[in-house]
Amino acid sequence: MKRRDFIKFMAAAMAATAVGVNVTSCGESNGKKRLIFFFTGTGNSLFVAKEIGGQLISIPQALKQDELSYTADEIGIVCPLYGHTPPNQVREFLKRAKLNAPYMFVVQTYGARKCNAVEIFDALAQKEGIKFDYLTTIIMVDNFLVSHDIDEEIQMEKHIEENLAQIKADIAEQKHWMQPVTEVERQQHWERYGHDFERYSYQNPSRTFRVERDLCVGCGACTRVCPKSNWKFTNNGLEVDGDCQMCFACINNCPQKAIKLNGREANPNARWRHPKITLQELQRANHIIA
């Protein structure tokens, strides 16, 4: 069997066990029922959610349901920052979900600047009548390939273990706290985006990505990690179209590096998926069944 055919065969086999399943773990923490809703593109936020522990529910999967009403002892949201703000599907979840818990928390992952992300998330949530008791951020490897070299990122000491340990301890104690924000951080966000907390809109992925067809083996990994199902096989081969929130799941998880940016890449040879998160976990989290 040729290498190209073998990759297609293995991709099909993995897909058979990867689609349509929520990522879950034990929902009990110290005798309390804890639900954690997460959004992930390259595994950073899923890793953090798994480390905190509880019943994990993928936000893209939850959004497929007609009724989004949840009750637990503790409810958390773990998601990345895109331009200091939560992904669009997380915003949609905040607008549709009814969350009922005595204690609720938010942990946002980021790679370079957090700015006033906790204040922005708090404002978006309170606009929908949701009040979180604990809001914080944690720095991780930055997967924004336009401006960050992954090879350099993974060499940086970001004190992830220590920061995560503190967050876990805070949540275990049900600490009521919002991470402090400086005036400098507020100004940094304002200088780039202004005071419009909802300025981050969907984009056309065909303007962002292109496919090197001589590298693509048709494994379909991109079609199953995209939380918006933007990638599809057509008579013309692999194509992308739809509403893109720039999670970069597709480009970072293509095993052949066949997906490229239409523009500058800090390091075209480097890609990122959290080493403790598998491709199959991302597929289970993000694949939308037609």
C-alpha atoms as a PDB file:
ATOM      1  CA  MET A   1       0.000   0.000   0.000  1.00  0.00           C
ATOM      2  CA  LYS A   2       1.384   3.396  -1.006  1.00  0.00           C
ATOM      3  CA  ARG A   3       1.996   5.991   1.728  1.00  0.00           C
ATOM      4  CA  ARG A   4      -0.736   8.288   0.392  1.00  0.00           C
ATOM      5  CA  ASP A   5      -3.282   5.441   0.346  1.00  0.00           C
ATOM      6  CA  PHE A   6      -2.205   4.315   3.813  1.00  0.00           C
ATOM      7  CA  ILE A   7      -2.811   7.789   5.256  1.00  0.00           C
ATOM      8  CA  LYS A   8      -6.286   7.866   3.689  1.00  0.00           C
ATOM      9  CA  PHE A   9      -7.028   4.414   5.108  1.00  0.00           C
ATOM     10  CA  MET A  10      -5.904   5.370   8.632  1.00  0.00           C
ATOM     11  CA  ALA A  11      -7.821   8.639   8.506  1.00  0.00           C
ATOM     12  CA  ALA A  12     -11.022   6.822   7.596  1.00  0.00           C
ATOM     13  CA  ALA A  13     -10.516   4.322  10.405  1.00  0.00           C
ATOM     14  CA  MET A  14      -9.951   7.076  12.970  1.00  0.00           C
ATOM     15  CA  ALA A  15     -12.954   9.033  11.729  1.00  0.00           C
ATOM     16  CA  ALA A  16     -15.226   6.061  12.358  1.00  0.00           C
ATOM     17  CA  THR A  17     -14.584   6.421  16.085  1.00  0.00           C
ATOM     18  CA  ALA A  18     -14.170  10.182  16.203  1.00  0.00           C
ATOM     19  CA  VAL A  19     -17.397  11.827  15.105  1.00  0.00           C
ATOM     20  CA  GLY A  20     -20.364  13.102  17.010  1.00  0.00           C
ATOM     21  CA  VAL A  21     -19.225  12.300  20.545  1.00  0.00           C
ATOM     22  CA  ASN A  22     -18.916  14.844  23.350  1.00  0.00           C
ATOM     23  CA  VAL A  23     -15.637  14.804  25.243  1.00  0.00           C
ATOM     24  CA  THR A  24     -16.529  13.866  28.808  1.00  0.00           C
ATOM     25  CA  SER A  25     -14.855  12.878  32.026  1.00  0.00           C
ATOM     26  CA  CYS A  26     -16.107  12.277  35.536  1.00  0.00           C
ATOM     27  CA  GLY A  27     -18.581  15.032  36.400  1.00  0.00           C
ATOM     28  CA  GLU A  28     -18.008  14.827  40.155  1.00  0.00           C
ATOM     29  CA  SER A  29     -15.440  16.990  41.913  1.00  0.00           C
ATOM     30  CA  ASN A  30     -15.282  16.776  45.708  1.00  0.00           C
ATOM     31  CA  GLY A  31     -18.826  15.473  45.708  1.00  0.00           C
ATOM     32  CA  LYS A  32     -20.089  18.314  43.508  1.00  0.00           C
ATOM     33  CA  LYS A  33     -21.435  18.095  39.986  1.00  0.00           C
ATOM     34  CA  ARG A  34     -19.204  20.251  37.783  1.00  0.00           C
ATOM     35  CA  LEU A  35     -19.911  20.991  34.130  1.00  0.00           C
ATOM     36  CA  ILE A  36     -17.189  22.564  32.002  1.00  0.00           C
ATOM     37  CA  PHE A  37     -18.102  23.907  28.580  1.00  0.00           C
ATOM     38  CA  PHE A  38     -15.104  24.306  26.326  1.00  0.00           C
ATOM     39  CA  PHE A  39     -14.062  25.542  22.909  1.00  0.00           C
ATOM     40  CA  THR A  40     -10.771  24.330  21.450  1.00  0.00           C
ATOM     41  CA  GLY A  41      -8.930  24.582  18.142  1.00  0.00           C
ATOM     42  CA  THR A  42      -5.511  23.142  18.869  1.00  0.00           C
ATOM     43  CA  GLY A  43      -6.017  21.604  22.305  1.00  0.00           C
ATOM     44  CA  ASN A  44      -4.835  24.307  24.724  1.00  0.00           C
ATOM     45  CA  SER A  45      -8.251  24.962  26.225  1.00  0.00           C
ATOM     46  CA  LEU A  46      -9.257  21.304  26.183  1.00  0.00           C
ATOM     47  CA  PHE A  47      -6.074  20.461  28.084  1.00  0.00           C
ATOM     48  CA  VAL A  48      -6.881  23.103  30.718  1.00  0.00           C
ATOM     49  CA  ALA A  49     -10.481  21.900  30.999  1.00  0.00           C
ATOM     50  CA  LYS A  50      -9.353  18.300  31.479  1.00  0.00           C
ATOM     51  CA  GLU A  51      -6.862  19.370  34.143  1.00  0.00           C
ATOM     52  CA  ILE A  52      -9.525  21.282  36.079  1.00  0.00           C
ATOM     53  CA  GLY A  53     -11.772  18.238  35.874  1.00  0.00           C
ATOM     54  CA  GLY A  54     -15.481  17.662  35.577  1.00  0.00           C
ATOM     55  CA  GLN A  55     -17.954  16.692  32.882  1.00  0.00           C
ATOM     56  CA  LEU A  56     -16.597  18.269  29.725  1.00  0.00           C
ATOM     57  CA  ILE A  57     -19.031  19.465  27.072  1.00  0.00           C
ATOM     58  CA  SER A  58     -17.903  20.815  23.705  1.00  0.00           C
ATOM     59  CA  ILE A  59     -19.531  24.168  22.939  1.00  0.00           C
ATOM     60  CA  PRO A  60     -19.738  23.490  19.160  1.00  0.00           C
ATOM     61  CA  GLN A  61     -21.497  20.212  19.981  1.00  0.00           C
ATOM     62  CA  ALA A  62     -23.798  21.862  22.545  1.00  0.00           C
ATOM     63  CA  LEU A  63     -24.857  24.478  19.990  1.00  0.00           C
ATOM     64  CA  LYS A  64     -26.372  21.720  17.840  1.00  0.00           C
ATOM     65  CA  GLN A  65     -29.051  21.201  20.497  1.00  0.00           C
ATOM     66  CA  ASP A  66     -32.348  23.092  20.508  1.00  0.00           C
ATOM     67  CA  GLU A  67     -32.402  23.495  24.297  1.00  0.00           C
ATOM     68  CA  LEU A  68     -29.318  24.698  26.160  1.00  0.00           C
ATOM     69  CA  SER A  69     -30.392  24.573  29.782  1.00  0.00           C
ATOM     70  CA  TYR A  70     -27.942  23.263  32.382  1.00  0.00           C
ATOM     71  CA  THR A  71     -27.980  22.885  36.154  1.00  0.00           C
ATOM     72  CA  ALA A  72     -25.062  21.798  38.315  1.00  0.00           C
ATOM     73  CA  ASP A  73     -23.211  22.664  41.528  1.00  0.00           C
ATOM     74  CA  GLU A  74     -20.459  24.305  39.491  1.00  0.00           C
ATOM     75  CA  ILE A  75     -20.394  25.468  35.873  1.00  0.00           C
ATOM     76  CA  GLY A  76     -17.286  26.634  34.042  1.00  0.00           C
ATOM     77  CA  ILE A  77     -16.295  27.860  30.603  1.00  0.00           C
ATOM     78  CA  VAL A  78     -12.789  27.315  29.220  1.00  0.00           C
ATOM     79  CA  CYS A  79     -11.938  28.919  25.891  1.00  0.00           C
ATOM     80  CA  PRO A  80      -9.190  30.783  24.011  1.00  0.00           C
ATOM     81  CA  LEU A  81      -8.886  34.490  23.305  1.00  0.00           C
ATOM     82  CA  TYR A  82      -9.074  35.818  19.752  1.00  0.00           C
ATOM     83  CA  GLY A  83      -8.186  39.489  19.758  1.00  0.00           C
ATOM     84  CA  HIS A  84      -8.650  39.552  23.553  1.00  0.00           C
ATOM     85  CA  THR A  85     -12.237  38.343  23.127  1.00  0.00           C
ATOM     86  CA  PRO A  86     -13.948  34.914  23.201  1.00  0.00           C
ATOM     87  CA  PRO A  87     -14.573  32.993  19.946  1.00  0.00           C
ATOM     88  CA  ASN A  88     -17.844  33.680  18.172  1.00  0.00           C
ATOM     89  CA  GLN A  89     -19.304  30.278  19.028  1.00  0.00           C
ATOM     90  CA  VAL A  90     -18.650  30.970  22.708  1.00  0.00           C
ATOM     91  CA  ARG A  91     -20.540  34.251  22.358  1.00  0.00           C
ATOM     92  CA  GLU A  92     -23.392  32.406  20.694  1.00  0.00           C
ATOM     93  CA  PHE A  93     -23.390  29.933  23.589  1.00  0.00           C
ATOM     94  CA  LEU A  94     -23.620  32.788  26.106  1.00  0.00           C
ATOM     95  CA  LYS A  95     -26.617  34.188  24.232  1.00  0.00           C
ATOM     96  CA  ARG A  96     -28.491  30.874  24.040  1.00  0.00           C
ATOM     97  CA  ALA A  97     -27.534  28.987  27.197  1.00  0.00           C
ATOM     98  CA  LYS A  98     -29.360  28.994  30.517  1.00  0.00           C
ATOM     99  CA  LEU A  99     -26.782  28.255  33.192  1.00  0.00           C
ATOM    100  CA  ASN A 100     -27.863  27.529  36.753  1.00  0.00           C
ATOM    101  CA  ALA A 101     -25.178  26.899  39.373  1.00  0.00           C
ATOM    102  CA  PRO A 102     -24.243  28.386  42.766  1.00  0.00           C
ATOM    103  CA  TYR A 103     -20.666  28.805  41.523  1.00  0.00           C
ATOM    104  CA  MET A 104     -19.560  29.668  37.985  1.00  0.00           C
ATOM    105  CA  PHE A 105     -16.088  30.295  36.587  1.00  0.00           C
ATOM    106  CA  VAL A 106     -14.279  31.254  33.381  1.00  0.00           C
ATOM    107  CA  VAL A 107     -10.711  30.410  32.335  1.00  0.00           C
ATOM    108  CA  GLN A 108      -9.418  31.899  29.079  1.00  0.00           C
ATOM    109  CA  THR A 109      -6.237  30.690  27.381  1.00  0.00           C
ATOM    110  CA  TYR A 110      -4.006  33.035  25.384  1.00  0.00           C
ATOM    111  CA  GLY A 111      -0.560  33.127  23.838  1.00  0.00           C
ATOM    112  CA  ALA A 112       0.770  36.688  23.924  1.00  0.00           C
ATOM    113  CA  ARG A 113      -1.513  39.456  25.195  1.00  0.00           C
ATOM    114  CA  LYS A 114      -4.571  39.087  27.396  1.00  0.00           C
ATOM    115  CA  CYS A 115      -5.211  42.834  27.779  1.00  0.00           C
ATOM    116  CA  ASN A 116      -8.600  43.321  29.494  1.00  0.00           C
ATOM    117  CA  ALA A 117     -10.016  39.973  28.363  1.00  0.00           C
ATOM    118  CA  VAL A 118     -11.666  39.152  31.701  1.00  0.00           C
ATOM    119  CA  GLU A 119     -13.538  42.459  31.701  1.00  0.00           C
ATOM    120  CA  ILE A 120     -14.664  41.922  28.121  1.00  0.00           C
ATOM    121  CA  PHE A 121     -15.927  38.412  28.881  1.00  0.00           C
ATOM    122  CA  ASP A 122     -17.678  39.648  32.027  1.00  0.00           C
ATOM    123  CA  ALA A 123     -19.402  42.416  30.065  1.00  0.00           C
ATOM    124  CA  LEU A 124     -20.552  40.026  27.329  1.00  0.00           C
ATOM    125  CA  ALA A 125     -21.874  37.557  29.911  1.00  0.00           C
ATOM    126  CA  GLN A 126     -23.673  40.148  32.025  1.00  0.00           C
ATOM    127  CA  LYS A 127     -25.316  41.485  28.867  1.00  0.00           C
ATOM    128  CA  GLU A 128     -26.962  38.045  28.636  1.00  0.00           C
ATOM    129  CA  GLY A 129     -27.850  38.014  32.339  1.00  0.00           C
ATOM    130  CA  ILE A 130     -25.023  35.649  33.346  1.00  0.00           C
ATOM    131  CA  LYS A 131     -22.779  36.427  36.311  1.00  0.00           C
ATOM    132  CA  PHE A 132     -19.539  34.526  36.796  1.00  0.00           C
ATOM    133  CA  ASP A 133     -17.882  34.336  40.208  1.00  0.00           C
ATOM    134  CA  TYR A 134     -14.322  33.707  39.035  1.00  0.00           C
ATOM    135  CA  LEU A 135     -12.692  34.945  35.828  1.00  0.00           C
ATOM    136  CA  THR A 136      -9.042  34.503  34.911  1.00  0.00           C
ATOM    137  CA  THR A 137      -6.623  33.786  32.070  1.00  0.00           C
ATOM    138  CA  ILE A 138      -3.666  31.461  31.563  1.00  0.00           C
ATOM    139  CA  ILE A 139      -0.848  31.910  29.055  1.00  0.00           C
ATOM    140  CA  MET A 140      -0.132  28.971  26.729  1.00  0.00           C
ATOM    141  CA  VAL A 141       1.699  28.283  23.462  1.00  0.00           C
ATOM    142  CA  ASP A 142       0.431  30.775  20.881  1.00  0.00           C
ATOM    143  CA  ASN A 143      -0.980  29.078  17.776  1.00  0.00           C
ATOM    144  CA  PHE A 144      -1.506  32.246  15.701  1.00  0.00           C
ATOM    145  CA  LEU A 145       0.855  31.292  12.896  1.00  0.00           C
ATOM    146  CA  VAL A 146       0.790  34.715  11.277  1.00  0.00           C
ATOM    147  CA  SER A 147       2.956  36.294  13.947  1.00  0.00           C
ATOM    148  CA  HIS A 148       4.243  33.476  16.171  1.00  0.00           C
ATOM    149  CA  ASP A 149       6.897  30.863  15.421  1.00  0.00           C
ATOM    150  CA  ILE A 150       5.743  27.678  17.129  1.00  0.00           C
ATOM    151  CA  ASP A 151       9.318  26.409  17.472  1.00  0.00           C
ATOM    152  CA  GLU A 152      10.158  29.537  19.459  1.00  0.00           C
ATOM    153  CA  GLU A 153       6.899  29.443  21.421  1.00  0.00           C
ATOM    154  CA  ILE A 154       7.462  25.951  22.816  1.00  0.00           C
ATOM    155  CA  GLN A 155      10.872  26.995  24.103  1.00  0.00           C
ATOM    156  CA  MET A 156       9.441  29.853  26.166  1.00  0.00           C
ATOM    157  CA  GLU A 157       8.972  29.404  29.894  1.00  0.00           C
ATOM    158  CA  LYS A 158       5.354  30.345  30.499  1.00  0.00           C
ATOM    159  CA  HIS A 159       4.981  28.703  33.929  1.00  0.00           C
ATOM    160  CA  ILE A 160       1.914  26.826  32.733  1.00  0.00           C
ATOM    161  CA  GLU A 161       2.035  24.138  35.430  1.00  0.00           C
ATOM    162  CA  GLU A 162       2.325  26.647  38.280  1.00  0.00           C
ATOM    163  CA  ASN A 163      -0.395  28.914  36.893  1.00  0.00           C
ATOM    164  CA  LEU A 164      -2.729  25.996  36.266  1.00  0.00           C
ATOM    165  CA  ALA A 165      -2.148  24.645  39.771  1.00  0.00           C
ATOM    166  CA  GLN A 166      -3.195  28.015  41.216  1.00  0.00           C
ATOM    167  CA  ILE A 167      -6.327  28.123  39.072  1.00  0.00           C
ATOM    168  CA  LYS A 168      -7.291  24.592  40.121  1.00  0.00           C
ATOM    169  CA  ALA A 169      -6.796  25.511  43.787  1.00  0.00           C
ATOM    170  CA  ASP A 170      -8.882  28.669  43.404  1.00  0.00           C
ATOM    171  CA  ILE A 171     -11.750  26.789  41.778  1.00  0.00           C
ATOM    172  CA  ALA A 172     -11.579  23.992  44.363  1.00  0.00           C
ATOM    173  CA  GLU A 173     -11.998  26.667  47.053  1.00  0.00           C
ATOM    174  CA  GLN A 174     -14.780  28.340  45.022  1.00  0.00           C
ATOM    175  CA  LYS A 175     -12.863  31.586  45.134  1.00  0.00           C
ATOM    176  CA  HIS A 176     -14.752  34.724  44.084  1.00  0.00           C
ATOM    177  CA  TRP A 177     -12.287  36.810  42.078  1.00  0.00           C
ATOM    178  CA  MET A 178     -11.640  38.565  38.785  1.00  0.00           C
ATOM    179  CA  GLN A 179      -8.064  38.785  37.537  1.00  0.00           C
ATOM    180  CA  PRO A 180      -6.883  42.410  37.903  1.00  0.00           C
ATOM    181  CA  VAL A 181      -6.570  44.518  34.760  1.00  0.00           C
ATOM    182  CA  THR A 182      -4.241  47.496  34.423  1.00  0.00           C
ATOM    183  CA  GLU A 183      -4.965  50.756  32.617  1.00  0.00           C
ATOM    184  CA  VAL A 184      -2.102  49.908  30.266  1.00  0.00           C
ATOM    185  CA  GLU A 185      -3.835  46.653  29.295  1.00  0.00           C
ATOM    186  CA  ARG A 186      -7.144  48.434  28.703  1.00  0.00           C
ATOM    187  CA  GLN A 187      -5.345  50.990  26.553  1.00  0.00           C
ATOM    188  CA  GLN A 188      -3.610  48.264  24.537  1.00  0.00           C
ATOM    189  CA  HIS A 189      -6.979  46.769  23.624  1.00  0.00           C
ATOM    190  CA  TRP A 190      -8.534  50.153  22.910  1.00  0.00           C
ATOM    191  CA  GLU A 191      -5.679  51.216  20.630  1.00  0.00           C
ATOM    192  CA  ARG A 192      -6.182  48.180  18.441  1.00  0.00           C
ATOM    193  CA  TYR A 193      -9.903  47.497  18.592  1.00  0.00           C
ATOM    194  CA  GLY A 194     -11.596  50.416  20.336  1.00  0.00           C
ATOM    195  CA  HIS A 195     -14.322  49.872  22.893  1.00  0.00           C
ATOM    196  CA  ASP A 196     -16.368  47.563  20.659  1.00  0.00           C
ATOM    197  CA  PHE A 197     -16.319  44.294  22.602  1.00  0.00           C
ATOM    198  CA  GLU A 198     -18.223  42.564  19.805  1.00  0.00           C
ATOM    199  CA  ARG A 199     -16.051  43.724  16.948  1.00  0.00           C
ATOM    200  CA  TYR A 200     -14.632  40.238  16.283  1.00  0.00           C
ATOM    201  CA  SER A 201     -16.740  38.926  13.400  1.00  0.00           C
ATOM    202  CA  TYR A 202     -16.686  35.835  11.219  1.00  0.00           C
ATOM    203  CA  GLN A 203     -14.359  35.931   8.225  1.00  0.00           C
ATOM    204  CA  ASN A 204     -14.215  34.256   4.829  1.00  0.00           C
ATOM    205  CA  PRO A 205     -11.740  31.364   5.194  1.00  0.00           C
ATOM    206  CA  SER A 206     -11.024  31.197   1.468  1.00  0.00           C
ATOM    207  CA  ARG A 207      -9.256  34.535   1.838  1.00  0.00           C
ATOM    208  CA  THR A 208      -7.169  33.232   4.735  1.00  0.00           C
ATOM    209  CA  PHE A 209      -6.213  29.702   3.668  1.00  0.00           C
ATOM    210  CA  ARG A 210      -5.133  27.872   0.565  1.00  0.00           C
ATOM    211  CA  VAL A 211      -4.455  24.190  -0.146  1.00  0.00           C
ATOM    212  CA  GLU A 212      -1.244  22.878  -1.645  1.00  0.00           C
ATOM    213  CA  ARG A 213      -2.927  20.152  -3.678  1.00  0.00           C
ATOM    214  CA  ASP A 214       0.272  18.216  -4.308  1.00  0.00           C
ATOM    215  CA  LEU A 215       0.620  17.779  -0.528  1.00  0.00           C
ATOM    216  CA  CYS A 216      -3.031  17.011   0.288  1.00  0.00           C
ATOM    217  CA  VAL A 217      -3.700  13.267   0.573  1.00  0.00           C
ATOM    218  CA  GLY A 218      -7.428  13.597   1.182  1.00  0.00           C
ATOM    219  CA  CYS A 219      -7.294  12.358   4.782  1.00  0.00           C
ATOM    220  CA  GLY A 220     -10.113  14.714   5.793  1.00  0.00           C
ATOM    221  CA  ALA A 221      -8.600  15.797   9.111  1.00  0.00           C
ATOM    222  CA  CYS A 222      -9.451  19.435   8.372  1.00  0.00           C
ATOM    223  CA  THR A 223     -13.099  18.582   7.689  1.00  0.00           C
ATOM    224  CA  ARG A 224     -13.429  17.057  11.163  1.00  0.00           C
ATOM    225  CA  VAL A 225     -11.521  19.544  13.316  1.00  0.00           C
ATOM    226  CA  CYS A 226     -13.237  22.655  11.973  1.00  0.00           C
ATOM    227  CA  PRO A 227     -15.981  23.641  14.460  1.00  0.00           C
ATOM    228  CA  LYS A 228     -17.927  25.342  11.648  1.00  0.00           C
ATOM    229  CA  SER A 229     -17.570  22.522   9.073  1.00  0.00           C
ATOM    230  CA  ASN A 230     -16.064  24.939   6.569  1.00  0.00           C
ATOM    231  CA  TRP A 231     -13.842  22.358   4.828  1.00  0.00           C
ATOM    232  CA  LYS A 232     -15.418  19.988   2.297  1.00  0.00           C
ATOM    233  CA  PHE A 233     -14.399  17.701  -0.550  1.00  0.00           C
ATOM    234  CA  THR A 234     -15.944  18.698  -3.872  1.00  0.00           C
ATOM    235  CA  ASN A 235     -15.537  17.703  -7.496  1.00  0.00           C
ATOM    236  CA  ASN A 236     -12.687  20.205  -7.560  1.00  0.00           C
ATOM    237  CA  GLY A 237     -10.982  18.668  -4.543  1.00  0.00           C
ATOM    238  CA  LEU A 238     -10.700  20.121  -1.049  1.00  0.00           C
ATOM    239  CA  GLU A 239     -12.293  23.553  -0.700  1.00  0.00           C
ATOM    240  CA  VAL A 240     -13.090  25.921   2.155  1.00  0.00           C
ATOM    241  CA  ASP A 241     -15.959  28.371   2.541  1.00  0.00           C
ATOM    242  CA  GLY A 242     -18.295  29.615   5.266  1.00  0.00           C
ATOM    243  CA  ASP A 243     -17.976  31.497   8.537  1.00  0.00           C
ATOM    244  CA  CYS A 244     -14.460  31.299   9.993  1.00  0.00           C
ATOM    245  CA  GLN A 245     -13.592  32.418  13.515  1.00  0.00           C
ATOM    246  CA  MET A 246      -9.848  31.964  12.934  1.00  0.00           C
ATOM    247  CA  CYS A 247      -9.321  29.153  15.443  1.00  0.00           C
ATOM    248  CA  PHE A 248      -6.584  27.746  13.141  1.00  0.00           C
ATOM    249  CA  ALA A 249      -7.636  24.169  13.945  1.00  0.00           C
ATOM    250  CA  CYS A 250      -7.437  23.224  10.266  1.00  0.00           C
ATOM    251  CA  ILE A 251      -3.987  24.556   9.457  1.00  0.00           C
ATOM    252  CA  ASN A 252      -2.421  23.364  12.710  1.00  0.00           C
ATOM    253  CA  ASN A 253      -3.866  19.861  12.511  1.00  0.00           C
ATOM    254  CA  CYS A 254      -3.247  19.034   8.849  1.00  0.00           C
ATOM    255  CA  PRO A 255      -0.818  16.074   9.038  1.00  0.00           C
ATOM    256  CA  GLN A 256       0.692  16.924   5.642  1.00  0.00           C
ATOM    257  CA  LYS A 257       0.945  20.695   6.229  1.00  0.00           C
ATOM    258  CA  ALA A 258      -1.020  21.019   3.005  1.00  0.00           C
ATOM    259  CA  ILE A 259      -3.029  23.977   4.321  1.00  0.00           C
ATOM    260  CA  LYS A 260      -1.158  27.281   4.098  1.00  0.00           C
ATOM    261  CA  LEU A 261      -1.894  30.882   4.931  1.00  0.00           C
ATOM    262  CA  ASN A 262      -2.556  33.338   2.129  1.00  0.00           C
ATOM    263  CA  GLY A 263       0.107  35.649   3.436  1.00  0.00           C
ATOM    264  CA  ARG A 264       2.909  35.724   5.935  1.00  0.00           C
ATOM    265  CA  GLU A 265       3.647  32.773   8.202  1.00  0.00           C
ATOM    266  CA  ALA A 266       6.211  33.252  10.951  1.00  0.00           C
ATOM    267  CA  ASN A 267       7.410  29.683  10.380  1.00  0.00           C
ATOM    268  CA  PRO A 268       5.727  27.725   7.552  1.00  0.00           C
ATOM    269  CA  ASN A 269       7.288  24.486   8.788  1.00  0.00           C
ATOM    270  CA  ALA A 270       5.942  24.671  12.348  1.00  0.00           C
ATOM    271  CA  ARG A 271       2.474  23.694  13.580  1.00  0.00           C
ATOM    272  CA  TRP A 272       0.904  23.231  17.011  1.00  0.00           C
ATOM    273  CA  ARG A 273      -1.421  20.783  18.743  1.00  0.00           C
ATOM    274  CA  HIS A 274      -1.132  20.410  22.494  1.00  0.00           C
ATOM    275  CA  PRO A 275       1.012  17.293  23.073  1.00  0.00           C
ATOM    276  CA  LYS A 276      -1.456  15.861  25.588  1.00  0.00           C
ATOM    277  CA  ILE A 277      -4.452  16.250  23.291  1.00  0.00           C
ATOM    278  CA  THR A 278      -5.006  13.870  20.382  1.00  0.00           C
ATOM    279  CA  LEU A 279      -6.361  14.645  16.952  1.00  0.00           C
ATOM    280  CA  GLN A 280      -9.246  12.299  17.713  1.00  0.00           C
ATOM    281  CA  GLU A 281     -10.206  14.356  20.789  1.00  0.00           C
ATOM    282  CA  LEU A 282     -10.347  17.504  18.685  1.00  0.00           C
ATOM    283  CA  GLN A 283     -12.444  15.726  16.089  1.00  0.00           C
ATOM    284  CA  ARG A 284     -14.897  14.534  18.735  1.00  0.00           C
ATOM    285  CA  ALA A 285     -15.117  18.059  20.108  1.00  0.00           C
ATOM    286  CA  ASN A 286     -15.601  19.938  16.827  1.00  0.00           C
ATOM    287  CA  HIS A 287     -17.065  17.689  14.178  1.00  0.00           C
ATOM    288  CA  ILE A 288     -20.557  18.768  13.141  1.00  0.00           C
ATOM    289  CA  ILE A 289     -22.663  15.904  11.833  1.00  0.00           C
ATOM    290  CA  ALA A 290     -24.545  16.852   8.677  1.00  0.00           C
END
